[in-house]
C-alpha atoms as a PDB file:
ATOM      1  CA  MET A   1      71.126 -14.893 -58.945  1.00  0.00           C
ATOM      2  CA  ALA A   2      69.689 -17.362 -56.820  1.00  0.00           C
ATOM      3  CA  GLU A   3      66.060 -17.313 -56.258  1.00  0.00           C
ATOM      4  CA  ALA A   4      64.980 -15.932 -52.885  1.00  0.00           C
ATOM      5  CA  ALA A   5      62.854 -18.056 -50.679  1.00  0.00           C
ATOM      6  CA  TYR A   6      59.221 -17.051 -51.011  1.00  0.00           C
ATOM      7  CA  ARG A   7      57.438 -16.275 -47.705  1.00  0.00           C
ATOM      8  CA  GLN A   8      53.708 -15.467 -47.507  1.00  0.00           C
ATOM      9  CA  ASP A   9      52.255 -13.137 -44.823  1.00  0.00           C
ATOM     10  CA  LYS A  10      50.062 -15.066 -42.471  1.00  0.00           C
ATOM     11  CA  PRO A  11      48.274 -14.180 -39.245  1.00  0.00           C
ATOM     12  CA  PRO A  12      50.213 -14.735 -36.091  1.00  0.00           C
ATOM     13  CA  PRO A  13      49.681 -18.023 -34.370  1.00  0.00           C
ATOM     14  CA  GLY A  14      46.384 -17.870 -32.399  1.00  0.00           C
ATOM     15  CA  GLY A  15      45.049 -15.098 -34.704  1.00  0.00           C
ATOM     16  CA  TYR A  16      44.841 -11.358 -34.509  1.00  0.00           C
ATOM     17  CA  PRO A  17      43.301  -9.771 -31.392  1.00  0.00           C
ATOM     18  CA  GLU A  18      39.588  -8.952 -31.695  1.00  0.00           C
ATOM     19  CA  ILE A  19      38.757  -5.397 -32.849  1.00  0.00           C
ATOM     20  CA  SER A  20      36.154  -3.680 -30.721  1.00  0.00           C
ATOM     21  CA  ILE A  21      33.509  -2.122 -32.958  1.00  0.00           C
ATOM     22  CA  LYS A  22      31.015  -1.448 -30.193  1.00  0.00           C
ATOM     23  CA  ARG A  23      29.808   2.240 -29.863  1.00  0.00           C
ATOM     24  CA  SER A  24      31.090   3.815 -26.716  1.00  0.00           C
ATOM     25  CA  LEU A  25      29.920   7.446 -26.876  1.00  0.00           C
ATOM     26  CA  PRO A  26      29.935   9.464 -23.674  1.00  0.00           C
ATOM     27  CA  ARG A  27      26.602  10.484 -22.171  1.00  0.00           C
ATOM     28  CA  ARG A  28      25.487  13.744 -23.726  1.00  0.00           C
ATOM     29  CA  GLY A  29      23.928  15.411 -20.677  1.00  0.00           C
ATOM     30  CA  PRO A  30      20.531  15.439 -18.997  1.00  0.00           C
ATOM     31  CA  SER A  31      17.504  13.941 -20.636  1.00  0.00           C
ATOM     32  CA  GLY A  32      14.885  16.000 -22.441  1.00  0.00           C
ATOM     33  CA  LEU A  33      12.418  15.649 -19.562  1.00  0.00           C
ATOM     34  CA  VAL A  34      14.925  16.994 -17.050  1.00  0.00           C
ATOM     35  CA  MET A  35      15.729  19.967 -19.304  1.00  0.00           C
ATOM     36  CA  MET A  36      12.010  20.664 -19.840  1.00  0.00           C
ATOM     37  CA  LEU A  37      11.328  20.604 -16.097  1.00  0.00           C
ATOM     38  CA  GLY A  38      14.337  22.847 -15.468  1.00  0.00           C
ATOM     39  CA  GLY A  39      13.149  25.378 -18.071  1.00  0.00           C
ATOM     40  CA  VAL A  40       9.601  25.393 -16.709  1.00  0.00           C
ATOM     41  CA  SER A  41      10.869  25.871 -13.150  1.00  0.00           C
ATOM     42  CA  VAL A  42      13.141  28.776 -14.172  1.00  0.00           C
ATOM     43  CA  MET A  43      10.289  30.470 -16.067  1.00  0.00           C
ATOM     44  CA  GLY A  44       7.920  29.904 -13.159  1.00  0.00           C
ATOM     45  CA  PHE A  45      10.384  31.466 -10.733  1.00  0.00           C
ATOM     46  CA  GLY A  46      10.863  34.408 -13.105  1.00  0.00           C
ATOM     47  CA  LEU A  47       7.108  34.946 -13.350  1.00  0.00           C
ATOM     48  CA  LEU A  48       6.864  34.849  -9.562  1.00  0.00           C
ATOM     49  CA  ILE A  49       9.529  37.572  -9.265  1.00  0.00           C
ATOM     50  CA  VAL A  50       7.829  39.691 -11.961  1.00  0.00           C
ATOM     51  CA  GLY A  51       4.461  39.312 -10.207  1.00  0.00           C
ATOM     52  CA  ARG A  52       5.883  40.422  -6.867  1.00  0.00           C
ATOM     53  CA  HIS A  53       7.601  43.389  -8.504  1.00  0.00           C
ATOM     54  CA  ASN A  54       4.352  44.405 -10.218  1.00  0.00           C
ATOM     55  CA  GLN A  55       2.498  44.259  -6.887  1.00  0.00           C
ATOM     56  CA  HIS A  56       5.159  46.411  -5.237  1.00  0.00           C
ATOM     57  CA  ARG A  57       5.098  48.908  -8.104  1.00  0.00           C
ATOM     58  CA  ARG A  58       1.282  49.062  -7.916  1.00  0.00           C
ATOM     59  CA  GLU A  59       1.432  49.775  -4.165  1.00  0.00           C
ATOM     60  CA  VAL A  60       4.034  52.529  -4.670  1.00  0.00           C
ATOM     61  CA  ARG A  61       1.916  54.094  -7.426  1.00  0.00           C
ATOM     62  CA  LYS A  62      -1.162  54.000  -5.168  1.00  0.00           C
ATOM     63  CA  GLU A  63       0.826  55.555  -2.305  1.00  0.00           C
ATOM     64  CA  LYS A  64       2.041  58.391  -4.555  1.00  0.00           C
ATOM     65  CA  LEU A  65      -1.500  59.013  -5.800  1.00  0.00           C
ATOM     66  CA  ASN A  66      -2.849  59.140  -2.239  1.00  0.00           C
ATOM     67  CA  ALA A  67      -0.077  61.541  -1.213  1.00  0.00           C
ATOM     68  CA  ARG A  68      -0.982  63.834  -4.106  1.00  0.00           C
ATOM     69  CA  LEU A  69      -4.682  63.629  -3.279  1.00  0.00           C
ATOM     70  CA  PHE A  70      -4.055  64.439   0.385  1.00  0.00           C
ATOM     71  CA  LEU A  71      -1.754  67.364  -0.453  1.00  0.00           C
ATOM     72  CA  LEU A  72      -4.067  68.834  -3.079  1.00  0.00           C
ATOM     73  CA  PRO A  73      -6.328  70.783  -0.643  1.00  0.00           C
ATOM     74  CA  LEU A  74      -3.265  72.248   1.097  1.00  0.00           C
ATOM     75  CA  LEU A  75      -1.704  73.309  -2.202  1.00  0.00           C
ATOM     76  CA  GLN A  76      -5.014  74.749  -3.415  1.00  0.00           C
ATOM     77  CA  ALA A  77      -5.368  76.738  -0.179  1.00  0.00           C
ATOM     78  CA  GLU A  78      -1.855  78.153  -0.578  1.00  0.00           C
ATOM     79  CA  TYR A  79      -2.636  79.111  -4.176  1.00  0.00           C
ATOM     80  CA  ASP A  80      -5.894  80.788  -3.113  1.00  0.00           C
ATOM     81  CA  ARG A  81      -4.063  82.781  -0.415  1.00  0.00           C
ATOM     82  CA  ARG A  82      -1.520  83.997  -2.947  1.00  0.00           C
ATOM     83  CA  VAL A  83      -4.309  84.953  -5.387  1.00  0.00           C
ATOM     84  CA  LEU A  84      -6.242  86.869  -2.717  1.00  0.00           C
ATOM     85  CA  LYS A  85      -3.090  88.643  -1.543  1.00  0.00           C
ATOM     86  CA  SER A  86      -2.262  89.619  -5.106  1.00  0.00           C
ATOM     87  CA  LEU A  87      -5.854  90.808  -5.762  1.00  0.00           C
ATOM     88  CA  LYS A  88      -5.778  92.890  -2.576  1.00  0.00           C
ATOM     89  CA  LYS A  89      -2.509  94.483  -3.677  1.00  0.00           C
ATOM     90  CA  ALA A  90      -3.993  95.154  -7.128  1.00  0.00           C
ATOM     91  CA  ASP A  91      -7.071  96.801  -5.512  1.00  0.00           C
ATOM     92  CA  GLU A  92      -4.803  99.041  -3.411  1.00  0.00           C
ATOM     93  CA  GLU A  93      -2.870 100.092  -6.505  1.00  0.00           C
ATOM     94  CA  GLU A  94      -6.143 100.681  -8.370  1.00  0.00           C
ATOM     95  CA  ALA A  95      -7.443 102.852  -5.527  1.00  0.00           C
ATOM     96  CA  ALA A  96      -4.224 104.901  -5.532  1.00  0.00           C
ATOM     97  CA  ILE A  97      -4.284 105.351  -9.300  1.00  0.00           C
ATOM     98  CA  MET A  98      -8.009 106.094  -9.699  1.00  0.00           C
ATOM     99  CA  LYS A  99      -8.534 108.256  -6.566  1.00  0.00           C
ATOM    100  CA  ASP A 100      -9.171 111.404  -8.659  1.00  0.00           C
ATOM    101  CA  VAL A 101     -11.780 109.792 -10.968  1.00  0.00           C
ATOM    102  CA  PRO A 102     -15.348 110.546  -9.757  1.00  0.00           C
ATOM    103  CA  GLY A 103     -17.710 107.544  -9.543  1.00  0.00           C
ATOM    104  CA  TRP A 104     -14.961 104.952  -9.786  1.00  0.00           C
ATOM    105  CA  VAL A 105     -15.619 101.871  -7.617  1.00  0.00           C
ATOM    106  CA  VAL A 106     -12.481 100.017  -6.588  1.00  0.00           C
ATOM    107  CA  GLY A 107     -12.647  96.225  -7.038  1.00  0.00           C
ATOM    108  CA  GLU A 108     -15.847  96.272  -9.100  1.00  0.00           C
ATOM    109  CA  LYS A 109     -16.343  93.043 -11.047  1.00  0.00           C
ATOM    110  CA  VAL A 110     -15.684  93.170 -14.740  1.00  0.00           C
ATOM    111  CA  TYR A 111     -18.071  90.297 -15.344  1.00  0.00           C
ATOM    112  CA  HIS A 112     -21.771  90.657 -14.546  1.00  0.00           C
ATOM    113  CA  THR A 113     -22.199  87.378 -12.723  1.00  0.00           C
ATOM    114  CA  GLU A 114     -22.258  86.103  -9.175  1.00  0.00           C
ATOM    115  CA  ALA A 115     -20.158  83.038 -10.022  1.00  0.00           C
ATOM    116  CA  TRP A 116     -16.469  82.956  -9.190  1.00  0.00           C
ATOM    117  CA  VAL A 117     -14.355  83.855 -12.187  1.00  0.00           C
ATOM    118  CA  PRO A 118     -10.645  83.171 -11.776  1.00  0.00           C
ATOM    119  CA  PRO A 119      -8.548  86.307 -12.168  1.00  0.00           C
ATOM    120  CA  LEU A 120      -6.606  86.885 -15.346  1.00  0.00           C
ATOM    121  CA  PRO A 121      -2.819  86.681 -15.123  1.00  0.00           C
ATOM    122  CA  ALA A 122      -2.628  90.435 -15.767  1.00  0.00           C
ATOM    123  CA  GLN A 123      -4.731  91.029 -12.628  1.00  0.00           C
ATOM    124  CA  LEU A 124      -2.310  89.133 -10.418  1.00  0.00           C
ATOM    125  CA  LYS A 125       0.594  91.289  -9.282  1.00  0.00           C
ATOM    126  CA  ASP A 126       3.888  89.765  -8.088  1.00  0.00           C
ATOM    127  CA  PHE A 127       2.586  86.265  -8.523  1.00  0.00           C
END
């Protein structure tokens, strides 16, 4: 066998093209300062909304309280009318039941005081 001609690998004439080893990473988004300002602005806006909602809720609560305070005398008057009507009916029934008992005074106070004592539930008929 004849010996083959030996050929060594060499670079092409003029050399290999240059390999780019420079970093070329894409930009990774906004800077830290921009993100910080964005977060602070979002939180500030949220606090503004919460503050306005709290003011509105406070006004509604005050309005409800005032409505209750203004209606309280009317409701108390209606309750007093019902109590007096029921006491009058109870006195009429007492007079009918105790008409044959000598010395019985209809509607006499059970308590020996001049102060108003609210009637017991048993004294209120059809309440």
